[in-house]
Protein backbone atom coordinates (compact mmCIF):
# COMPACT_ATOMS: atom_id res chain seq x y z
CA MET A 1 43.47 -9.35 43.75
CA SER A 2 43.07 -12.50 45.63
CA ILE A 3 40.13 -12.80 48.02
CA GLY A 4 39.90 -15.20 51.11
CA ILE A 5 36.62 -16.40 52.76
CA ILE A 6 36.71 -18.01 55.86
CA GLY A 7 33.37 -20.34 56.23
CA GLY A 8 32.51 -23.24 58.77
CA SER A 9 30.05 -21.51 61.12
CA GLY A 10 27.21 -22.32 58.97
CA PRO A 11 29.03 -24.14 55.93
CA GLU A 12 26.46 -22.65 53.73
CA ALA A 13 27.46 -19.10 54.65
CA GLY A 14 30.85 -19.46 53.34
CA LEU A 15 29.37 -20.76 50.22
CA ASP A 16 26.83 -18.08 49.90
CA LEU A 17 29.14 -15.26 50.34
CA PHE A 18 31.50 -16.96 47.48
CA GLN A 19 28.50 -17.12 45.15
CA LYS A 20 27.63 -13.39 46.02
CA VAL A 21 31.02 -12.18 45.23
CA LEU A 22 30.92 -13.86 41.82
CA THR A 23 27.87 -12.47 40.97
CA LEU A 24 28.84 -8.78 42.05
CA HIS A 25 31.98 -9.25 40.06
CA ARG A 26 30.14 -10.20 37.01
CA THR A 27 27.76 -7.43 37.31
CA ARG A 28 30.48 -4.74 37.91
CA LEU A 29 32.46 -5.84 34.80
CA GLY A 30 29.33 -6.06 32.59
CA ALA A 31 28.97 -8.25 29.51
CA ASP A 32 31.96 -6.62 27.72
CA GLY A 33 34.18 -7.08 30.83
CA TYR A 34 33.20 -10.70 31.76
CA GLN A 35 34.27 -12.50 28.97
CA SER A 36 35.24 -16.01 30.30
CA ASP A 37 36.23 -18.04 33.30
CA ARG A 38 39.64 -15.86 33.14
CA SER A 39 37.73 -12.96 34.04
CA ALA A 40 36.47 -14.40 37.56
CA PRO A 41 37.98 -13.27 40.50
CA ASN A 42 40.67 -15.50 42.56
CA ILE A 43 38.90 -16.59 45.70
CA ILE A 44 40.13 -19.13 48.14
CA LEU A 45 37.05 -20.62 50.46
CA MET A 46 38.49 -22.28 53.54
CA GLN A 47 35.66 -24.38 55.18
CA VAL A 48 36.79 -24.89 58.76
CA SER A 49 34.59 -27.21 60.63
CA GLU A 50 36.10 -26.46 63.98
CA LEU A 51 34.34 -23.21 63.73
CA GLY A 52 30.99 -24.56 63.44
CA GLY A 53 28.06 -24.23 65.86
CA PRO A 54 25.54 -24.07 67.38
CA ARG A 55 26.44 -21.13 69.10
CA THR A 56 24.85 -20.34 72.43
CA ARG A 57 25.38 -17.28 74.78
CA GLU A 58 27.72 -19.30 76.82
CA ASP A 59 29.72 -20.16 73.79
CA CYS A 60 30.26 -16.35 73.13
CA HIS A 61 31.68 -15.58 76.49
CA VAL A 62 35.49 -15.07 76.81
CA GLY A 63 37.14 -17.90 78.46
CA SER A 64 34.53 -20.60 78.08
CA ASP A 65 35.88 -23.59 76.41
CA SER A 66 33.94 -23.17 73.17
CA TYR A 67 34.94 -19.58 72.99
CA GLU A 68 38.70 -20.29 73.26
CA ARG A 69 38.47 -23.44 70.72
CA SER A 70 36.75 -21.37 68.20
CA LYS A 71 39.30 -18.44 68.60
CA ALA A 72 42.28 -20.56 68.44
CA ALA A 73 40.77 -22.20 65.10
CA LEU A 74 39.83 -18.77 63.55
CA LEU A 75 43.35 -17.14 64.36
CA THR A 76 45.09 -20.39 62.95
CA THR A 77 43.13 -20.29 59.82
CA ILE A 78 43.90 -16.73 59.36
CA ARG A 79 47.55 -17.27 59.47
CA GLN A 80 47.30 -20.09 56.99
CA LEU A 81 45.15 -17.78 54.55
CA LEU A 82 47.30 -14.53 54.84
CA PRO A 83 49.96 -15.43 52.63
CA LEU A 84 47.56 -16.47 49.98
CA VAL A 85 45.31 -13.54 49.73
CA GLU A 86 45.32 -9.72 49.73
CA VAL A 87 41.70 -9.40 51.72
CA PHE A 88 39.80 -11.77 53.66
CA CYS A 89 36.39 -11.93 55.37
CA VAL A 90 34.70 -14.30 57.88
CA ALA A 91 31.53 -15.49 56.58
CA CYS A 92 29.51 -15.32 59.99
CA ASN A 93 28.44 -12.60 62.13
CA THR A 94 28.68 -14.25 65.25
CA LEU A 95 32.29 -15.16 64.71
CA HIS A 96 32.95 -11.25 64.37
CA ILE A 97 32.89 -11.50 68.12
CA PHE A 98 36.68 -12.19 67.74
CA GLU A 99 37.23 -9.08 65.50
CA PRO A 100 39.25 -7.53 68.14
CA HIS A 101 41.64 -10.58 68.17
CA ILE A 102 41.46 -10.41 64.49
CA VAL A 103 42.71 -7.03 64.30
CA GLU A 104 45.35 -7.52 66.90
CA LEU A 105 46.72 -10.61 65.04
CA LEU A 106 46.75 -8.67 61.91
CA GLN A 107 48.50 -5.75 63.23
CA SER A 108 51.30 -8.12 65.23
CA LEU A 109 51.85 -9.59 61.77
CA GLY A 110 52.47 -6.17 60.16
CA HIS A 111 49.13 -5.98 58.16
CA ASN A 112 46.72 -2.90 58.24
CA PRO A 113 43.41 -4.40 59.53
CA HIS A 114 41.35 -1.90 57.45
CA HIS A 115 43.00 -2.91 54.24
CA THR A 116 43.34 -6.85 54.91
CA PHE A 117 40.15 -7.75 56.90
CA VAL A 118 36.74 -7.03 55.46
CA SER A 119 34.43 -7.07 58.52
CA MET A 120 30.82 -7.70 57.87
CA VAL A 121 29.81 -6.20 61.13
CA THR A 122 31.54 -2.80 60.20
CA ALA A 123 30.03 -3.01 56.76
CA THR A 124 26.67 -3.71 57.96
CA THR A 125 26.84 -1.20 60.88
CA THR A 126 27.91 1.60 58.46
CA VAL A 127 24.86 0.86 55.91
CA CYS A 128 22.35 0.87 58.90
CA GLN A 129 23.68 4.07 60.40
CA ASP A 130 23.54 5.68 56.92
CA TYR A 131 20.18 4.39 56.31
CA LEU A 132 18.84 5.61 59.76
CA HIS A 133 20.28 9.02 59.29
CA GLN A 134 18.64 9.53 55.97
CA HIS A 135 15.11 8.05 56.84
CA THR A 136 12.81 8.68 59.79
CA PHE A 137 10.07 6.09 60.77
CA GLY A 138 7.47 8.13 62.96
CA THR A 139 9.20 8.97 66.18
CA ARG A 140 11.57 6.03 66.24
CA ASN A 141 14.04 4.67 63.76
CA LYS A 142 14.38 0.93 63.49
CA LEU A 143 15.91 -1.78 61.41
CA ALA A 144 16.24 -5.37 62.18
CA ILE A 145 19.25 -7.88 62.14
CA PHE A 146 18.60 -11.46 62.61
CA GLY A 147 20.87 -14.00 64.00
CA GLY A 148 21.75 -16.59 66.61
CA PRO A 149 21.77 -15.87 70.26
CA GLY A 150 25.31 -14.49 70.32
CA THR A 151 24.50 -12.17 67.40
CA MET A 152 21.19 -10.71 68.84
CA ASP A 153 22.49 -10.37 72.52
CA LEU A 154 22.37 -6.45 71.84
CA ASP A 155 22.54 -5.54 75.69
CA LEU A 156 25.35 -3.27 76.45
CA ASP A 157 27.20 -5.99 78.24
CA GLY A 158 26.13 -8.70 75.66
CA THR A 159 28.07 -10.76 73.34
CA SER A 160 26.93 -9.36 70.00
CA PRO A 161 29.34 -7.84 67.65
CA TYR A 162 26.50 -5.57 66.61
CA ARG A 163 26.22 -3.72 70.03
CA ARG A 164 27.85 -0.68 68.86
CA LEU A 165 24.62 -0.12 66.87
CA VAL A 166 22.63 0.51 70.08
CA GLN A 167 25.68 2.37 71.86
CA GLU A 168 25.41 5.14 69.37
């Protein structure tokens, strides 16, 4: 399997995810399964400087110049990456504001988004919801997610891709 990682909005985020995938892969294979470099997964990291921040709330609003430039750069990168990988992830929480556009692009190209795109937001939301259903903290359940202004704008009309956590 070939894995794609799109970095750029925080160059270290892509590198960090790459390292975590390698570490998890080694752990899952164990000492007997991971015998040499040939046991490593196939990973393509695309570092895309056009996706870089900083990100303000204004940059996350549909129609702003920054929003449209970032969306175009991300969708172009996905088109370039798709023929080379079976699955990919965008290594930035804030850039998941483009998730509906990613899903739409994948569907238009005949890909099943649920099999091709690994959404950090969906994965994190699922883990948080499962955790909250299993644990009670007094009268209120609380978890914290840290990020930039666009990621933390959890108001129902806000820009955060994590809005669904407060909607449910």
